[in-house]
Amino acid sequence: MFLGTTIFGYCEIAPSNIQAYPSQAVAYLSAHPCPGNLFNTYDYGGYLIWKLPGKPVYIDGRMPSWRNNNGVKYLTMYDNVIENQKYQQAQFSKYNIRCVIVTNDGEFRLLITDLTNSRWRQVVIANKSVLLIAPSCIKS
């Protein structure tokens, strides 16, 4: 009885972090697969691997210490995409990125604005996240 009460009590007070993940964006991509690759916020990488198996992510929690063939850390490349529009465009072209899932907050405001100004469409805005789709992928 003590164990049951303890578990029930924990469930009552334990915060649910389900809203911390882009579940609506994932549902959209499950129904309308991205015709290219994803760029995602670091915090969503593992969730996207779990919910969209087989769909490569740009970064996830395993990668902060990984380096590419030129010795550049993937985390540095990720930061550059967020902060530098020309670098972002080069990476998106190189990796055929056609969908972006990021948090809808200050860290990504510039990226979201740059993409929106380049006619990317915000198709899902929910759970503190936004899913943007490249203009060439949007069907009229």
N, C-alpha and C. Protein backbone atom coordinates (compact mmCIF):
# COMPACT_ATOMS: atom_id res chain seq x y z
N MET A 1 0.83 -1.19 0.00
CA MET A 1 0.00 0.00 0.00
C MET A 1 0.88 1.26 0.00
N PHE A 2 1.97 1.22 0.76
CA PHE A 2 2.87 2.36 0.82
C PHE A 2 3.46 2.66 -0.56
N LEU A 3 3.88 1.60 -1.25
CA LEU A 3 4.45 1.76 -2.58
C LEU A 3 3.45 2.37 -3.54
N GLY A 4 2.21 1.90 -3.53
CA GLY A 4 1.16 2.44 -4.39
C GLY A 4 0.90 3.90 -4.10
N THR A 5 0.86 4.27 -2.83
CA THR A 5 0.63 5.66 -2.44
C THR A 5 1.80 6.54 -2.87
N THR A 6 3.01 6.02 -2.72
CA THR A 6 4.19 6.78 -3.11
C THR A 6 4.21 7.03 -4.62
N ILE A 7 3.94 6.00 -5.39
CA ILE A 7 3.92 6.15 -6.86
C ILE A 7 2.81 7.10 -7.28
N PHE A 8 1.61 6.92 -6.72
CA PHE A 8 0.49 7.80 -7.06
C PHE A 8 0.82 9.25 -6.69
N GLY A 9 1.40 9.44 -5.51
CA GLY A 9 1.77 10.79 -5.07
C GLY A 9 2.80 11.41 -5.98
N TYR A 10 3.77 10.62 -6.41
CA TYR A 10 4.79 11.14 -7.32
C TYR A 10 4.17 11.55 -8.65
N CYS A 11 3.28 10.74 -9.16
CA CYS A 11 2.63 11.05 -10.43
C CYS A 11 1.80 12.32 -10.33
N GLU A 12 1.26 12.57 -9.17
CA GLU A 12 0.46 13.78 -8.97
C GLU A 12 1.32 15.04 -9.01
N ILE A 13 2.55 14.96 -8.45
CA ILE A 13 3.37 16.17 -8.34
C ILE A 13 4.45 16.26 -9.42
N ALA A 14 4.77 15.16 -10.08
CA ALA A 14 5.82 15.16 -11.10
C ALA A 14 5.36 15.96 -12.31
N PRO A 15 6.16 16.94 -12.74
CA PRO A 15 5.76 17.73 -13.90
C PRO A 15 5.82 16.90 -15.17
N SER A 16 4.88 17.14 -16.03
CA SER A 16 4.88 16.47 -17.33
C SER A 16 5.66 17.34 -18.30
N ASN A 17 6.66 16.77 -18.95
CA ASN A 17 7.45 17.55 -19.91
C ASN A 17 7.03 17.27 -21.34
N ILE A 18 5.87 16.65 -21.51
CA ILE A 18 5.42 16.34 -22.88
C ILE A 18 5.30 17.61 -23.72
N GLN A 19 4.99 18.74 -23.08
CA GLN A 19 4.84 19.99 -23.83
C GLN A 19 6.19 20.58 -24.21
N ALA A 20 7.27 19.97 -23.72
CA ALA A 20 8.60 20.46 -24.07
C ALA A 20 9.06 19.94 -25.43
N TYR A 21 8.28 19.06 -26.03
CA TYR A 21 8.67 18.46 -27.30
C TYR A 21 7.68 18.81 -28.41
N PRO A 22 8.15 18.80 -29.65
CA PRO A 22 7.31 19.23 -30.78
C PRO A 22 6.38 18.13 -31.29
N SER A 23 5.46 17.69 -30.46
CA SER A 23 4.60 16.56 -30.83
C SER A 23 3.70 16.87 -32.03
N GLN A 24 3.16 18.10 -32.11
CA GLN A 24 2.32 18.44 -33.26
C GLN A 24 3.14 18.51 -34.55
N ALA A 25 4.36 19.01 -34.46
CA ALA A 25 5.23 19.07 -35.63
C ALA A 25 5.57 17.66 -36.11
N VAL A 26 5.82 16.75 -35.17
CA VAL A 26 6.11 15.37 -35.52
C VAL A 26 4.89 14.71 -36.16
N ALA A 27 3.70 15.00 -35.61
CA ALA A 27 2.47 14.45 -36.20
C ALA A 27 2.31 14.95 -37.63
N TYR A 28 2.59 16.23 -37.86
CA TYR A 28 2.51 16.78 -39.21
C TYR A 28 3.49 16.07 -40.15
N LEU A 29 4.74 15.89 -39.69
CA LEU A 29 5.74 15.25 -40.53
C LEU A 29 5.47 13.75 -40.74
N SER A 30 4.77 13.14 -39.81
CA SER A 30 4.38 11.74 -40.00
C SER A 30 3.35 11.62 -41.12
N ALA A 31 2.45 12.61 -41.20
CA ALA A 31 1.42 12.61 -42.24
C ALA A 31 1.92 13.20 -43.55
N HIS A 32 2.88 14.13 -43.48
CA HIS A 32 3.43 14.81 -44.65
C HIS A 32 4.96 14.78 -44.55
N PRO A 33 5.58 13.67 -44.92
CA PRO A 33 7.03 13.55 -44.75
C PRO A 33 7.81 14.69 -45.43
N CYS A 34 8.85 15.11 -44.77
CA CYS A 34 9.71 16.15 -45.31
C CYS A 34 10.44 15.59 -46.53
N PRO A 35 10.41 16.29 -47.66
CA PRO A 35 11.08 15.79 -48.87
C PRO A 35 12.60 15.95 -48.84
N GLY A 36 13.10 16.50 -47.77
CA GLY A 36 14.55 16.64 -47.61
C GLY A 36 14.92 16.26 -46.19
N ASN A 37 15.97 16.85 -45.70
CA ASN A 37 16.43 16.58 -44.34
C ASN A 37 15.95 17.65 -43.37
N LEU A 38 16.10 17.35 -42.07
CA LEU A 38 15.66 18.24 -41.01
C LEU A 38 16.83 19.02 -40.41
N PHE A 39 16.57 20.26 -40.06
CA PHE A 39 17.43 20.97 -39.13
C PHE A 39 16.61 21.08 -37.86
N ASN A 40 17.22 20.76 -36.74
CA ASN A 40 16.49 20.76 -35.48
C ASN A 40 17.30 21.39 -34.37
N THR A 41 16.58 21.84 -33.35
CA THR A 41 17.26 22.31 -32.17
C THR A 41 17.92 21.12 -31.47
N TYR A 42 19.03 21.37 -30.83
CA TYR A 42 19.80 20.34 -30.14
C TYR A 42 18.92 19.54 -29.18
N ASP A 43 18.05 20.21 -28.45
CA ASP A 43 17.21 19.55 -27.45
C ASP A 43 16.18 18.59 -28.05
N TYR A 44 15.86 18.73 -29.31
CA TYR A 44 14.85 17.87 -29.94
C TYR A 44 15.44 16.64 -30.63
N GLY A 45 16.75 16.56 -30.76
CA GLY A 45 17.37 15.50 -31.55
C GLY A 45 16.96 14.10 -31.15
N GLY A 46 17.10 13.76 -29.89
CA GLY A 46 16.74 12.42 -29.42
C GLY A 46 15.26 12.12 -29.59
N TYR A 47 14.41 13.12 -29.32
CA TYR A 47 12.97 12.95 -29.48
C TYR A 47 12.63 12.66 -30.94
N LEU A 48 13.25 13.39 -31.86
CA LEU A 48 12.99 13.20 -33.29
C LEU A 48 13.50 11.84 -33.78
N ILE A 49 14.63 11.40 -33.26
CA ILE A 49 15.14 10.07 -33.62
C ILE A 49 14.13 9.00 -33.18
N TRP A 50 13.56 9.19 -32.01
CA TRP A 50 12.59 8.24 -31.46
C TRP A 50 11.28 8.27 -32.25
N LYS A 51 10.76 9.47 -32.52
CA LYS A 51 9.44 9.60 -33.13
C LYS A 51 9.43 9.54 -34.65
N LEU A 52 10.55 9.86 -35.28
CA LEU A 52 10.65 9.80 -36.75
C LEU A 52 11.83 8.91 -37.13
N PRO A 53 11.75 7.63 -36.81
CA PRO A 53 12.89 6.75 -37.08
C PRO A 53 13.25 6.73 -38.57
N GLY A 54 14.52 6.72 -38.82
CA GLY A 54 14.98 6.69 -40.21
C GLY A 54 15.15 8.07 -40.82
N LYS A 55 14.65 9.11 -40.16
CA LYS A 55 14.79 10.48 -40.66
C LYS A 55 16.01 11.11 -39.98
N PRO A 56 17.07 11.40 -40.74
CA PRO A 56 18.26 11.98 -40.11
C PRO A 56 17.96 13.33 -39.46
N VAL A 57 18.61 13.57 -38.34
CA VAL A 57 18.51 14.87 -37.67
C VAL A 57 19.84 15.60 -37.86
N TYR A 58 19.81 16.91 -37.70
CA TYR A 58 21.04 17.69 -37.87
C TYR A 58 21.96 17.50 -36.66
N ILE A 59 21.37 17.46 -35.47
CA ILE A 59 22.17 17.32 -34.25
C ILE A 59 21.34 16.64 -33.18
N ASP A 60 22.01 15.95 -32.28
CA ASP A 60 21.34 15.36 -31.12
C ASP A 60 22.32 15.31 -29.96
N GLY A 61 21.86 14.84 -28.83
CA GLY A 61 22.64 14.88 -27.60
C GLY A 61 23.95 14.11 -27.61
N ARG A 62 24.16 13.24 -28.56
CA ARG A 62 25.40 12.47 -28.62
C ARG A 62 26.54 13.24 -29.26
N MET A 63 26.25 14.35 -29.91
CA MET A 63 27.20 14.94 -30.85
C MET A 63 28.07 16.10 -30.36
N PRO A 64 27.95 16.61 -29.13
CA PRO A 64 28.76 17.79 -28.78
C PRO A 64 30.26 17.62 -28.94
N SER A 65 30.77 16.43 -28.73
CA SER A 65 32.22 16.24 -28.85
C SER A 65 32.64 15.69 -30.21
N TRP A 66 31.70 15.34 -31.05
CA TRP A 66 32.03 14.79 -32.37
C TRP A 66 32.60 15.89 -33.27
N ARG A 67 33.47 15.50 -34.17
CA ARG A 67 34.07 16.44 -35.13
C ARG A 67 33.91 15.87 -36.55
N ASN A 68 33.85 16.79 -37.52
CA ASN A 68 33.80 16.33 -38.91
C ASN A 68 35.21 16.01 -39.39
N ASN A 69 35.36 15.68 -40.66
CA ASN A 69 36.66 15.31 -41.20
C ASN A 69 37.69 16.43 -41.14
N ASN A 70 37.22 17.68 -41.05
CA ASN A 70 38.13 18.82 -40.96
C ASN A 70 38.44 19.21 -39.52
N GLY A 71 37.94 18.44 -38.55
CA GLY A 71 38.21 18.71 -37.14
C GLY A 71 37.27 19.71 -36.50
N VAL A 72 36.23 20.14 -37.22
CA VAL A 72 35.28 21.12 -36.68
C VAL A 72 34.21 20.37 -35.90
N LYS A 73 33.93 20.85 -34.68
CA LYS A 73 32.89 20.23 -33.86
C LYS A 73 31.52 20.46 -34.49
N TYR A 74 30.69 19.42 -34.45
CA TYR A 74 29.33 19.55 -34.97
C TYR A 74 28.54 20.61 -34.18
N LEU A 75 28.83 20.74 -32.89
CA LEU A 75 28.14 21.75 -32.09
C LEU A 75 28.51 23.16 -32.56
N THR A 76 29.75 23.34 -33.00
CA THR A 76 30.17 24.64 -33.55
C THR A 76 29.44 24.92 -34.85
N MET A 77 29.32 23.90 -35.69
CA MET A 77 28.58 24.06 -36.95
C MET A 77 27.12 24.43 -36.66
N TYR A 78 26.52 23.76 -35.70
CA TYR A 78 25.13 24.03 -35.30
C TYR A 78 24.98 25.49 -34.83
N ASP A 79 25.89 25.93 -33.97
CA ASP A 79 25.85 27.32 -33.50
C ASP A 79 25.99 28.30 -34.66
N ASN A 80 26.85 27.99 -35.62
CA ASN A 80 27.04 28.86 -36.78
C ASN A 80 25.78 28.95 -37.64
N VAL A 81 25.05 27.85 -37.78
CA VAL A 81 23.80 27.87 -38.55
C VAL A 81 22.82 28.85 -37.90
N ILE A 82 22.76 28.82 -36.57
CA ILE A 82 21.82 29.68 -35.84
C ILE A 82 22.21 31.16 -35.97
N GLU A 83 23.51 31.44 -35.97
CA GLU A 83 23.98 32.82 -35.87
C GLU A 83 24.37 33.47 -37.20
N ASN A 84 24.60 32.69 -38.24
CA ASN A 84 25.16 33.24 -39.47
C ASN A 84 24.32 32.79 -40.67
N GLN A 85 23.62 33.73 -41.27
CA GLN A 85 22.69 33.39 -42.36
C GLN A 85 23.42 32.76 -43.56
N LYS A 86 24.58 33.26 -43.94
CA LYS A 86 25.30 32.70 -45.08
C LYS A 86 25.76 31.27 -44.79
N TYR A 87 26.23 31.04 -43.58
CA TYR A 87 26.63 29.69 -43.20
C TYR A 87 25.41 28.77 -43.20
N GLN A 88 24.30 29.26 -42.67
CA GLN A 88 23.05 28.49 -42.64
C GLN A 88 22.63 28.11 -44.05
N GLN A 89 22.67 29.04 -44.97
CA GLN A 89 22.28 28.74 -46.34
C GLN A 89 23.19 27.69 -46.96
N ALA A 90 24.48 27.78 -46.69
CA ALA A 90 25.43 26.80 -47.22
C ALA A 90 25.17 25.41 -46.64
N GLN A 91 24.92 25.32 -45.34
CA GLN A 91 24.63 24.04 -44.70
C GLN A 91 23.31 23.46 -45.19
N PHE A 92 22.29 24.31 -45.32
CA PHE A 92 20.99 23.83 -45.80
C PHE A 92 21.11 23.29 -47.22
N SER A 93 21.91 23.94 -48.03
CA SER A 93 22.12 23.46 -49.40
C SER A 93 22.93 22.16 -49.40
N LYS A 94 24.01 22.13 -48.66
CA LYS A 94 24.88 20.96 -48.60
C LYS A 94 24.14 19.72 -48.11
N TYR A 95 23.29 19.89 -47.10
CA TYR A 95 22.60 18.75 -46.49
C TYR A 95 21.14 18.61 -46.91
N ASN A 96 20.73 19.35 -47.93
CA ASN A 96 19.36 19.28 -48.46
C ASN A 96 18.31 19.45 -47.36
N ILE A 97 18.48 20.45 -46.55
CA ILE A 97 17.55 20.71 -45.45
C ILE A 97 16.34 21.44 -46.00
N ARG A 98 15.17 20.83 -45.83
CA ARG A 98 13.91 21.38 -46.32
C ARG A 98 12.89 21.59 -45.23
N CYS A 99 13.21 21.12 -44.01
CA CYS A 99 12.31 21.29 -42.87
C CYS A 99 13.13 21.70 -41.65
N VAL A 100 12.57 22.58 -40.85
CA VAL A 100 13.26 23.07 -39.66
C VAL A 100 12.30 22.98 -38.48
N ILE A 101 12.77 22.34 -37.40
CA ILE A 101 12.00 22.27 -36.15
C ILE A 101 12.88 22.85 -35.05
N VAL A 102 12.47 24.01 -34.54
CA VAL A 102 13.22 24.68 -33.48
C VAL A 102 12.25 25.23 -32.44
N THR A 103 12.82 25.63 -31.31
CA THR A 103 11.99 26.27 -30.31
C THR A 103 11.64 27.68 -30.78
N ASN A 104 10.49 28.11 -30.38
CA ASN A 104 9.98 29.42 -30.80
C ASN A 104 10.36 30.44 -29.72
N ASP A 105 11.68 30.66 -29.57
CA ASP A 105 12.14 31.57 -28.52
C ASP A 105 13.27 32.45 -29.04
N GLY A 106 13.87 33.19 -28.14
CA GLY A 106 14.89 34.16 -28.50
C GLY A 106 16.08 33.58 -29.24
N GLU A 107 16.52 32.39 -28.87
CA GLU A 107 17.70 31.80 -29.50
C GLU A 107 17.52 31.62 -31.01
N PHE A 108 16.30 31.32 -31.43
CA PHE A 108 16.04 31.02 -32.84
C PHE A 108 15.24 32.10 -33.56
N ARG A 109 14.97 33.22 -32.90
CA ARG A 109 14.16 34.27 -33.54
C ARG A 109 14.77 34.75 -34.86
N LEU A 110 16.07 34.97 -34.89
CA LEU A 110 16.72 35.45 -36.11
C LEU A 110 16.61 34.40 -37.22
N LEU A 111 16.86 33.14 -36.90
CA LEU A 111 16.75 32.07 -37.89
C LEU A 111 15.32 31.98 -38.42
N ILE A 112 14.34 32.01 -37.53
CA ILE A 112 12.93 31.94 -37.94
C ILE A 112 12.58 33.12 -38.83
N THR A 113 13.03 34.31 -38.46
CA THR A 113 12.75 35.51 -39.25
C THR A 113 13.42 35.41 -40.62
N ASP A 114 14.68 35.00 -40.66
CA ASP A 114 15.39 34.86 -41.94
C ASP A 114 14.68 33.87 -42.86
N LEU A 115 14.27 32.73 -42.31
CA LEU A 115 13.60 31.73 -43.14
C LEU A 115 12.23 32.22 -43.60
N THR A 116 11.49 32.84 -42.71
CA THR A 116 10.17 33.37 -43.08
C THR A 116 10.31 34.43 -44.17
N ASN A 117 11.32 35.28 -44.05
CA ASN A 117 11.57 36.30 -45.08
C ASN A 117 12.00 35.67 -46.40
N SER A 118 12.51 34.45 -46.36
CA SER A 118 12.88 33.72 -47.58
C SER A 118 11.75 32.82 -48.06
N ARG A 119 10.54 33.09 -47.59
CA ARG A 119 9.31 32.42 -48.00
C ARG A 119 9.13 31.01 -47.44
N TRP A 120 9.92 30.63 -46.43
CA TRP A 120 9.64 29.39 -45.73
C TRP A 120 8.33 29.60 -44.98
N ARG A 121 7.51 28.55 -44.92
CA ARG A 121 6.21 28.69 -44.26
C ARG A 121 6.21 27.99 -42.90
N GLN A 122 5.67 28.68 -41.91
CA GLN A 122 5.49 28.10 -40.59
C GLN A 122 4.21 27.28 -40.63
N VAL A 123 4.34 25.96 -40.65
CA VAL A 123 3.16 25.10 -40.79
C VAL A 123 2.62 24.60 -39.46
N VAL A 124 3.46 24.55 -38.44
CA VAL A 124 3.01 24.18 -37.10
C VAL A 124 3.70 25.09 -36.10
N ILE A 125 2.91 25.71 -35.24
CA ILE A 125 3.43 26.49 -34.12
C ILE A 125 2.70 25.99 -32.88
N ALA A 126 3.38 25.20 -32.07
CA ALA A 126 2.75 24.62 -30.88
C ALA A 126 3.82 24.10 -29.93
N ASN A 127 3.47 23.96 -28.66
CA ASN A 127 4.38 23.42 -27.64
C ASN A 127 5.71 24.14 -27.64
N LYS A 128 5.67 25.45 -27.79
CA LYS A 128 6.89 26.28 -27.77
C LYS A 128 7.85 25.93 -28.90
N SER A 129 7.33 25.36 -29.98
CA SER A 129 8.17 25.02 -31.12
C SER A 129 7.52 25.50 -32.40
N VAL A 130 8.31 25.50 -33.46
CA VAL A 130 7.81 25.88 -34.78
C VAL A 130 8.42 24.93 -35.81
N LEU A 131 7.59 24.52 -36.76
CA LEU A 131 8.03 23.72 -37.90
C LEU A 131 7.91 24.60 -39.13
N LEU A 132 9.01 24.79 -39.82
CA LEU A 132 9.04 25.56 -41.05
C LEU A 132 9.37 24.63 -42.21
N ILE A 133 8.74 24.91 -43.35
CA ILE A 133 8.94 24.11 -44.56
C ILE A 133 9.46 25.03 -45.67
N ALA A 134 10.44 24.56 -46.42
CA ALA A 134 11.03 25.34 -47.51
C ALA A 134 9.99 25.64 -48.57
N PRO A 135 10.09 26.79 -49.22
CA PRO A 135 9.08 27.17 -50.22
C PRO A 135 8.97 26.20 -51.38
N SER A 136 10.05 25.56 -51.78
CA SER A 136 9.99 24.62 -52.90
C SER A 136 9.27 23.34 -52.53
N CYS A 137 8.98 23.13 -51.25
CA CYS A 137 8.33 21.91 -50.79
C CYS A 137 6.84 22.11 -50.51
N ILE A 138 6.37 23.34 -50.60
CA ILE A 138 4.99 23.65 -50.27
C ILE A 138 4.12 23.48 -51.50
N LYS A 139 3.11 22.66 -51.36
CA LYS A 139 2.18 22.45 -52.48
C LYS A 139 1.07 23.48 -52.39
N SER A 140 0.77 24.12 -53.47
CA SER A 140 -0.28 25.14 -53.48
C SER A 140 -1.65 24.54 -53.45
